[in-house]
Protein backbone atom coordinates (compact mmCIF):
# COMPACT_ATOMS: atom_id res chain seq x y z
CA UNK A 1 0.00 0.00 0.00
CA UNK A 2 1.46 3.38 -0.99
CA UNK A 3 1.43 6.46 1.26
CA UNK A 4 -1.56 8.09 -0.41
CA UNK A 5 -3.63 4.92 -0.21
CA UNK A 6 -2.64 4.57 3.44
CA UNK A 7 -3.85 8.11 4.12
CA UNK A 8 -7.13 7.33 2.38
CA UNK A 9 -7.62 4.12 4.34
CA UNK A 10 -7.14 5.99 7.62
CA UNK A 11 -9.92 8.37 6.61
CA UNK A 12 -12.14 5.47 5.53
CA UNK A 13 -11.71 3.60 8.79
CA UNK A 14 -11.67 6.51 11.26
CA UNK A 15 -13.65 9.38 9.73
CA UNK A 16 -16.11 8.06 7.12
CA UNK A 17 -18.80 10.36 8.55
CA UNK A 18 -16.76 13.39 7.44
CA UNK A 19 -16.06 14.38 3.82
CA UNK A 20 -12.81 13.10 2.34
CA UNK A 21 -12.43 16.59 0.91
CA UNK A 22 -12.34 18.07 4.43
CA UNK A 23 -9.74 15.47 5.42
CA UNK A 24 -7.39 16.52 2.63
CA UNK A 25 -8.14 20.21 3.15
CA UNK A 26 -7.25 20.16 6.84
CA UNK A 27 -4.06 18.25 6.13
CA UNK A 28 -3.00 20.75 3.47
CA UNK A 29 -3.68 23.64 5.82
CA UNK A 30 -1.67 22.21 8.69
CA UNK A 31 1.27 21.02 6.56
CA UNK A 32 1.30 23.69 3.86
CA UNK A 33 1.78 23.24 0.13
CA UNK A 34 4.92 22.94 -2.00
CA UNK A 35 5.19 24.04 -5.61
CA UNK A 36 7.14 22.53 -8.45
CA UNK A 37 8.77 25.23 -10.60
CA UNK A 38 6.33 24.31 -13.37
CA UNK A 39 3.39 25.29 -11.13
CA UNK A 40 4.63 28.87 -10.68
CA UNK A 41 4.66 29.92 -14.32
CA UNK A 42 2.29 32.49 -15.78
CA UNK A 43 1.65 34.23 -12.45
CA UNK A 44 0.09 37.19 -14.26
CA UNK A 45 -2.73 34.85 -15.33
CA UNK A 46 -4.06 34.03 -11.84
CA UNK A 47 -4.51 35.77 -8.52
CA UNK A 48 -1.32 35.48 -6.47
CA UNK A 49 -0.96 35.82 -2.70
CA UNK A 50 -1.72 39.31 -1.39
CA UNK A 51 -0.69 38.53 2.20
CA UNK A 52 -3.91 40.11 3.35
CA UNK A 53 -3.10 40.05 7.10
CA UNK A 54 -0.74 37.25 8.23
CA UNK A 55 1.90 35.33 6.30
CA UNK A 56 0.31 31.90 6.89
CA UNK A 57 3.57 30.43 5.53
CA UNK A 58 5.77 27.79 7.12
CA UNK A 59 9.05 29.47 6.08
CA UNK A 60 10.27 33.09 5.98
CA UNK A 61 9.91 35.01 2.74
CA UNK A 62 13.69 35.34 2.46
CA UNK A 63 14.03 31.54 2.26
CA UNK A 64 11.66 31.13 -0.68
CA UNK A 65 14.10 30.09 -3.39
CA UNK A 66 11.44 30.19 -6.12
CA UNK A 67 9.99 33.54 -5.04
CA UNK A 68 6.79 31.79 -4.10
CA UNK A 69 5.68 34.87 -2.16
CA UNK A 70 5.26 36.66 -5.50
CA UNK A 71 4.26 33.71 -7.67
CA UNK A 72 2.10 31.29 -5.66
CA UNK A 73 -1.69 31.50 -5.97
CA UNK A 74 -3.74 32.90 -3.09
CA UNK A 75 -5.77 29.71 -2.94
CA UNK A 76 -6.28 26.50 -4.84
CA UNK A 77 -9.42 24.56 -5.63
CA UNK A 78 -8.86 20.83 -5.96
CA UNK A 79 -11.37 18.41 -7.48
CA UNK A 80 -11.78 15.12 -9.34
CA UNK A 81 -9.07 12.49 -9.24
CA UNK A 82 -9.33 8.85 -8.19
CA UNK A 83 -12.02 9.59 -5.61
CA UNK A 84 -13.95 12.12 -7.73
CA UNK A 85 -13.46 14.83 -5.11
CA UNK A 86 -15.87 17.75 -5.07
CA UNK A 87 -14.41 21.25 -5.64
CA UNK A 88 -12.69 22.33 -2.42
CA UNK A 89 -11.05 25.72 -1.77
CA UNK A 90 -7.84 25.80 0.29
CA UNK A 91 -5.73 28.77 1.38
CA UNK A 92 -2.12 28.43 0.20
CA UNK A 93 0.44 28.16 2.99
CA UNK A 94 3.87 27.83 1.47
CA UNK A 95 6.06 24.99 2.72
CA UNK A 96 8.67 23.52 0.31
CA UNK A 97 8.95 20.47 2.58
CA UNK A 98 5.26 19.61 2.48
CA UNK A 99 4.23 16.19 1.15
CA UNK A 100 1.55 18.07 -0.80
CA UNK A 101 3.07 19.42 -4.00
CA UNK A 102 1.51 21.08 -7.02
CA UNK A 103 2.78 20.30 -10.51
CA UNK A 104 1.81 21.80 -13.86
CA UNK A 105 1.96 20.15 -17.28
CA UNK A 106 0.82 21.43 -20.67
CA UNK A 107 -2.63 20.00 -20.07
CA UNK A 108 -3.37 20.40 -16.36
CA UNK A 109 -2.38 21.48 -12.88
CA UNK A 110 -2.57 18.77 -10.24
CA UNK A 111 -1.68 18.18 -6.61
CA UNK A 112 0.30 15.21 -5.35
CA UNK A 113 0.92 13.57 -1.99
CA UNK A 114 4.44 12.18 -1.68
CA UNK A 115 4.63 12.12 -5.47
CA UNK A 116 1.26 10.43 -6.05
CA UNK A 117 -1.48 12.36 -7.83
CA UNK A 118 -4.58 13.23 -5.81
CA UNK A 119 -6.61 15.42 -8.15
CA UNK A 120 -6.56 18.33 -10.53
CA UNK A 121 -6.23 21.90 -9.27
CA UNK A 122 -7.50 25.32 -10.31
CA UNK A 123 -6.00 28.69 -9.47
CA UNK A 124 -8.24 31.71 -8.83
CA UNK A 125 -8.77 34.14 -11.69
CA UNK A 126 -7.45 37.69 -11.47
CA UNK A 127 -10.47 39.79 -10.47
CA UNK A 128 -11.55 42.25 -13.14
CA UNK A 129 -11.15 45.23 -10.81
CA UNK A 130 -7.47 44.30 -10.25
CA UNK A 131 -6.89 45.19 -13.89
CA UNK A 132 -8.15 48.78 -13.60
CA UNK A 133 -6.20 51.96 -12.93
CA UNK A 134 -6.82 53.97 -9.76
CA UNK A 135 -5.73 57.29 -8.35
CA UNK A 136 -3.77 55.59 -5.58
CA UNK A 137 -0.35 54.30 -6.58
CA UNK A 138 -0.93 51.10 -4.62
CA UNK A 139 -2.25 48.05 -6.42
CA UNK A 140 -5.88 47.20 -5.72
CA UNK A 141 -4.80 43.87 -4.22
CA UNK A 142 -2.85 45.76 -1.57
CA UNK A 143 -5.75 48.07 -0.70
CA UNK A 144 -8.80 45.78 -0.98
CA UNK A 145 -7.86 42.19 -1.86
CA UNK A 146 -10.36 39.37 -2.22
CA UNK A 147 -10.07 35.87 -0.79
CA UNK A 148 -12.38 32.86 -0.43
CA UNK A 149 -12.50 32.44 -4.20
CA UNK A 150 -13.60 36.05 -4.61
CA UNK A 151 -16.41 35.98 -2.03
CA UNK A 152 -14.76 38.15 0.66
CA UNK A 153 -13.10 41.57 0.42
CA UNK A 154 -10.46 41.66 3.14
CA UNK A 155 -9.72 45.15 4.47
CA UNK A 156 -6.76 45.08 6.85
CA UNK A 157 -6.70 48.79 7.54
CA UNK A 158 -4.07 48.65 10.32
CA UNK A 159 -1.13 46.35 9.54
CA UNK A 160 0.30 46.23 13.05
CA UNK A 161 -0.87 45.37 16.56
CA UNK A 162 -0.13 47.53 19.60
CA UNK A 163 0.36 44.50 21.83
CA UNK A 164 3.66 43.88 20.05
CA UNK A 165 6.78 45.36 21.60
CA UNK A 166 5.50 45.00 25.15
CA UNK A 167 5.71 41.18 25.34
CA UNK A 168 1.94 41.12 25.16
CA UNK A 169 1.36 39.84 21.62
CA UNK A 170 -0.43 36.53 21.09
CA UNK A 171 2.26 33.88 20.74
CA UNK A 172 0.78 32.43 17.52
CA UNK A 173 0.30 35.76 15.71
CA UNK A 174 2.71 37.17 13.11
CA UNK A 175 0.89 40.35 12.01
CA UNK A 176 3.82 42.65 12.89
CA UNK A 177 6.40 40.13 11.70
CA UNK A 178 4.53 39.82 8.43
CA UNK A 179 4.53 43.61 8.05
CA UNK A 180 8.32 43.69 8.40
CA UNK A 181 8.83 40.78 6.01
CA UNK A 182 6.64 42.32 3.33
CA UNK A 183 8.35 45.70 3.57
CA UNK A 184 11.80 44.07 3.37
CA UNK A 185 10.71 42.09 0.31
CA UNK A 186 9.77 45.29 -1.52
CA UNK A 187 6.00 44.87 -1.38
CA UNK A 188 4.19 48.24 -1.07
CA UNK A 189 2.60 47.30 2.23
CA UNK A 190 0.53 50.16 3.68
CA UNK A 191 0.69 50.52 7.49
CA UNK A 192 -2.60 52.37 7.90
CA UNK A 193 -4.69 52.41 4.75
CA UNK A 194 -6.21 55.80 3.86
CA UNK A 195 -9.97 55.51 3.73
CA UNK A 196 -9.94 57.43 0.45
CA UNK A 197 -7.90 54.65 -1.17
CA UNK A 198 -10.26 51.99 0.17
CA UNK A 199 -13.35 53.82 -1.08
CA UNK A 200 -11.78 54.25 -4.50
CA UNK A 201 -10.96 50.57 -4.93
CA UNK A 202 -14.34 49.58 -3.52
CA UNK A 203 -15.84 51.73 -6.25
CA UNK A 204 -13.99 49.55 -8.73
CA UNK A 205 -15.33 46.41 -7.07
CA UNK A 206 -18.84 47.85 -7.12
CA UNK A 207 -18.55 48.53 -10.86
CA UNK A 208 -16.62 45.55 -12.15
CA UNK A 209 -17.13 42.66 -9.72
CA UNK A 210 -20.15 40.42 -9.26
CA UNK A 211 -18.59 37.76 -7.02
CA UNK A 212 -17.73 39.53 -3.75
CA UNK A 213 -20.60 39.38 -1.28
CA UNK A 214 -19.02 40.54 1.98
CA UNK A 215 -16.16 42.52 3.42
CA UNK A 216 -14.17 42.08 6.63
CA UNK A 217 -12.76 45.20 8.25
CA UNK A 218 -9.86 44.30 10.52
CA UNK A 219 -6.30 44.89 11.68
CA UNK A 220 -4.22 44.84 14.82
CA UNK A 221 -5.47 45.70 18.29
CA UNK A 222 -5.44 49.34 19.39
CA UNK A 223 -4.79 49.49 23.13
CA UNK A 224 -4.00 53.20 23.41
CA UNK A 225 -4.95 55.38 20.47
CA UNK A 226 -4.37 55.49 16.73
CA UNK A 227 -4.66 58.89 15.04
CA UNK A 228 -6.33 60.15 18.18
CA UNK A 229 -8.99 57.42 18.17
CA UNK A 230 -9.64 54.37 20.29
CA UNK A 231 -10.13 51.00 18.61
CA UNK A 232 -13.90 51.16 18.29
CA UNK A 233 -13.86 54.65 16.81
CA UNK A 234 -10.91 53.88 14.53
CA UNK A 235 -12.51 50.86 12.87
CA UNK A 236 -16.03 52.23 13.22
CA UNK A 237 -15.20 55.31 11.16
CA UNK A 238 -14.07 53.12 8.25
CA UNK A 239 -17.26 51.08 8.47
CA UNK A 240 -19.45 54.19 8.59
CA UNK A 241 -17.84 55.77 5.53
CA UNK A 242 -17.94 52.53 3.53
CA UNK A 243 -21.57 51.86 4.39
CA UNK A 244 -22.61 55.44 3.66
CA UNK A 245 -21.05 55.29 0.19
CA UNK A 246 -22.17 51.73 -0.60
CA UNK A 247 -25.32 51.13 1.46
CA UNK A 248 -26.32 47.48 1.44
CA UNK A 249 -23.78 46.56 -1.23
CA UNK A 250 -21.91 43.95 0.82
CA UNK A 251 -22.36 42.12 4.10
CA UNK A 252 -20.39 44.18 6.62
CA UNK A 253 -18.13 42.35 9.10
CA UNK A 254 -15.72 43.85 11.64
CA UNK A 255 -13.05 42.22 13.82
CA UNK A 256 -12.08 44.00 17.04
CA UNK A 257 -11.33 43.02 20.60
CA UNK A 258 -14.29 42.20 22.85
CA UNK A 259 -15.93 45.40 24.08
CA UNK A 260 -18.88 46.29 26.27
CA UNK A 261 -22.30 46.49 24.66
CA UNK A 262 -22.41 50.29 24.70
CA UNK A 263 -19.14 50.39 22.75
CA UNK A 264 -20.11 47.86 20.09
CA UNK A 265 -23.39 49.67 19.55
CA UNK A 266 -21.21 52.28 17.84
CA UNK A 267 -20.16 49.62 15.32
CA UNK A 268 -23.76 48.58 14.75
CA UNK A 269 -24.76 52.22 14.27
CA UNK A 270 -21.93 52.54 11.73
CA UNK A 271 -23.60 49.82 9.66
CA UNK A 272 -21.72 46.75 10.87
CA UNK A 273 -23.82 43.59 10.55
CA UNK A 274 -21.48 40.89 11.85
CA UNK A 275 -19.15 41.20 14.84
CA UNK A 276 -16.02 39.07 15.35
CA UNK A 277 -14.57 39.42 18.89
CA UNK A 278 -12.10 36.55 18.49
CA UNK A 279 -11.47 34.58 21.67
CA UNK A 280 -8.51 32.61 20.20
CA UNK A 281 -8.35 29.68 22.64
CA UNK A 282 -10.78 28.39 25.28
CA UNK A 283 -8.58 26.99 28.04
CA UNK A 284 -8.04 29.59 30.77
CA UNK A 285 -4.40 28.72 31.46
CA UNK A 286 -3.48 28.75 27.78
CA UNK A 287 -5.41 31.96 27.10
CA UNK A 288 -3.56 33.79 29.87
CA UNK A 289 -0.17 32.55 28.70
CA UNK A 290 -0.65 32.65 24.93
CA UNK A 291 -2.74 35.86 24.74
CA UNK A 292 -1.02 37.88 27.49
CA UNK A 293 -2.09 41.31 26.26
CA UNK A 294 -5.73 40.32 25.95
CA UNK A 295 -5.57 38.64 29.37
CA UNK A 296 -4.10 41.75 31.03
CA UNK A 297 -6.13 44.46 29.33
CA UNK A 298 -9.50 42.72 29.25
CA UNK A 299 -9.25 39.26 30.84
CA UNK A 300 -10.67 35.95 29.71
CA UNK A 301 -13.87 36.10 31.78
CA UNK A 302 -14.64 39.64 30.65
CA UNK A 303 -13.83 38.70 27.08
CA UNK A 304 -16.28 35.83 27.00
CA UNK A 305 -18.97 37.76 28.88
CA UNK A 306 -18.69 40.58 26.38
CA UNK A 307 -19.12 38.12 23.51
CA UNK A 308 -22.43 37.02 25.00
CA UNK A 309 -23.50 40.60 25.74
CA UNK A 310 -22.80 41.65 22.15
CA UNK A 311 -25.47 39.20 20.98
CA UNK A 312 -28.08 41.62 22.34
CA UNK A 313 -26.65 44.27 20.00
CA UNK A 314 -26.15 42.32 16.78
CA UNK A 315 -28.30 39.23 17.29
CA UNK A 316 -26.66 35.98 18.40
CA UNK A 317 -26.35 34.60 14.85
CA UNK A 318 -24.32 37.68 13.87
CA UNK A 319 -21.70 37.33 16.61
CA UNK A 320 -19.06 34.94 15.28
CA UNK A 321 -15.86 34.78 17.36
CA UNK A 322 -12.87 32.89 15.99
CA UNK A 323 -10.54 30.46 17.74
CA UNK A 324 -7.13 29.37 16.49
CA UNK A 325 -7.49 25.62 16.41
CA UNK A 326 -4.37 23.64 17.26
CA UNK A 327 -2.45 25.95 19.59
CA UNK A 328 -3.74 23.89 22.53
CA UNK A 329 -1.22 21.21 21.51
CA UNK A 330 1.83 23.44 21.08
CA UNK A 331 4.50 25.03 23.23
CA UNK A 332 5.04 25.12 26.98
CA UNK A 333 1.31 25.07 27.82
CA UNK A 334 0.48 22.19 25.48
CA UNK A 335 -2.27 19.85 26.60
CA UNK A 336 -1.25 16.27 27.22
CA UNK A 337 -3.24 14.68 24.39
CA UNK A 338 -5.45 15.27 21.38
CA UNK A 339 -8.49 14.14 23.32
CA UNK A 340 -7.77 16.58 26.15
CA UNK A 341 -7.48 19.41 23.63
CA UNK A 342 -10.70 18.39 21.91
CA UNK A 343 -12.58 18.16 25.21
CA UNK A 344 -11.45 21.66 26.18
CA UNK A 345 -12.14 23.32 22.84
CA UNK A 346 -15.54 21.70 22.38
CA UNK A 347 -16.46 22.90 25.87
CA UNK A 348 -15.97 26.42 24.53
CA UNK A 349 -17.89 25.65 21.34
CA UNK A 350 -20.80 24.30 23.39
CA UNK A 351 -20.70 27.30 25.73
CA UNK A 352 -21.17 29.76 22.88
CA UNK A 353 -23.56 27.64 20.82
CA UNK A 354 -25.80 27.14 23.86
CA UNK A 355 -26.32 30.92 23.67
CA UNK A 356 -27.01 30.84 19.92
CA UNK A 357 -23.51 32.02 18.96
CA UNK A 358 -21.62 29.91 16.40
CA UNK A 359 -17.86 30.43 16.65
CA UNK A 360 -15.66 29.63 13.69
CA UNK A 361 -12.12 28.33 13.65
CA UNK A 362 -9.00 28.87 11.62
CA UNK A 363 -6.33 26.20 11.29
CA UNK A 364 -3.23 27.18 13.24
CA UNK A 365 -0.11 27.60 11.12
CA UNK A 366 3.30 27.67 12.93
CA UNK A 367 4.62 30.84 11.28
CA UNK A 368 8.41 31.00 11.73
CA UNK A 369 8.82 34.36 13.48
CA UNK A 370 6.21 33.72 16.15
CA UNK A 371 6.92 32.33 19.62
CA UNK A 372 5.34 29.02 18.56
CA UNK A 373 7.01 29.07 15.16
CA UNK A 374 9.35 26.17 15.91
CA UNK A 375 6.51 23.87 16.95
CA UNK A 376 4.99 21.07 14.89
CA UNK A 377 1.45 21.59 13.64
CA UNK A 378 -1.40 19.88 15.43
CA UNK A 379 -2.05 16.34 14.15
CA UNK A 380 -4.69 15.65 11.54
CA UNK A 381 -6.54 13.53 14.11
CA UNK A 382 -7.19 16.68 16.16
CA UNK A 383 -8.80 18.54 13.27
CA UNK A 384 -11.02 15.65 12.24
CA UNK A 385 -12.26 15.14 15.79
CA UNK A 386 -12.82 18.88 16.08
CA UNK A 387 -14.89 18.97 12.88
CA UNK A 388 -16.94 16.01 14.05
CA UNK A 389 -17.56 17.50 17.49
CA UNK A 390 -18.24 20.98 16.15
CA UNK A 391 -20.84 19.73 13.69
CA UNK A 392 -22.52 17.55 16.33
CA UNK A 393 -22.91 20.45 18.78
CA UNK A 394 -24.04 22.81 16.03
CA UNK A 395 -26.75 20.37 14.96
CA UNK A 396 -27.84 19.69 18.54
CA UNK A 397 -28.77 23.36 19.01
CA UNK A 398 -30.43 23.63 15.60
CA UNK A 399 -28.33 26.62 14.60
CA UNK A 400 -28.26 28.21 11.18
CA UNK A 401 -25.19 28.35 8.96
CA UNK A 402 -23.09 31.35 10.09
CA UNK A 403 -23.84 34.31 7.80
CA UNK A 404 -21.16 36.11 5.83
CA UNK A 405 -19.14 33.01 4.94
CA UNK A 406 -20.75 32.03 1.70
CA UNK A 407 -22.36 28.70 0.91
CA UNK A 408 -21.92 25.70 3.20
CA UNK A 409 -21.36 22.04 2.44
CA UNK A 410 -18.77 19.95 0.70
CA UNK A 411 -18.26 21.11 -2.88
CA UNK A 412 -19.85 24.50 -2.14
CA UNK A 413 -17.89 26.10 0.71
CA UNK A 414 -15.38 28.85 -0.07
CA UNK A 415 -14.07 29.59 3.44
CA UNK A 416 -10.46 28.63 2.90
CA UNK A 417 -8.60 28.53 6.24
CA UNK A 418 -10.48 25.63 7.81
CA UNK A 419 -13.03 23.05 6.76
CA UNK A 420 -15.71 24.05 9.25
CA UNK A 421 -18.01 25.37 6.51
CA UNK A 422 -17.37 22.30 4.35
CA UNK A 423 -18.98 20.00 6.95
CA UNK A 424 -22.08 22.11 7.69
CA UNK A 425 -25.25 21.50 5.69
């Protein structure tokens, strides 16, 4: 039995209740993807990585011998092959040592596992609005890039986090490290994006794009002030101006820290529909050690209480906090087993879902410049058990599919940094 067949048999025996597509997707996300030189040709013909907030790569940009940071696609969509896989969108996390490698021939692009072909692959098209000329000298993909196969406009308006530099940054986060890498590589990476530039590029999206359905407004935490504004006012002003100029054009989503209800009402009044106060990790000990700034400035109990309180402002279905799945098994605070990590994390999932709030999760990537960058990724077993438990709890409360993430279900989902939407139907 070859290595690919062995991987398939493990899925068949242990996780037949979950889509095979989700199994491959989670493995690609945790291990990253390698590219044969042939697979990096013609980069002007497809949408390449915009590095919209984090690097999500397993190696530094300076170590990319094939300039993958400029030439790799933002995402891939694999389908077909021996098992007739349904189209599945995966965020590209560059790792030249990954067993998953993409190769291109004259007739097709395909992905392999340890040299054995899995299926064919598509790269995302260059959005039409990327091809237009704007007043700003920055490329539209730097100002207002799209991800999730074009569904989501990702507006990182503040490229740094004020927790950094005080030993208070989250140990799995590389937002400031990514900023430095991109600047050193020569990418025109804007620290604070002028709202005028964003509105101009959004005008191009409004005119020339029919795919994007939502935008996420986000960036680093503001713990003092930025341009004389606190965090709520800083991000809220962007939301207000966007929603005034393009009322009802896209689903409006904002990521900030967890704030009291009176504060987040300002976001709602600015036109925000969906609120993401990301709680990162459920376990109290790990939260305090791995999110030290959030623990000191706000505190875990306050954070989670504020998530529940914000449901009265936005509606419980529109409060969607994120957790970084896998960090429970890494570093000095690592839990002793996969099952212990699953028990803890699903306790948090149940806590929020029992209040009508459906959290989402992203697949943790050990980015090299972070404190946890030298750790191994969480095992595939963890992610499959998490998907199974997440779906079971979600169904038990009769919750709707989280809004603002596009279609759900295998073959339909476009959320690219975990398979949670692929298993919901």
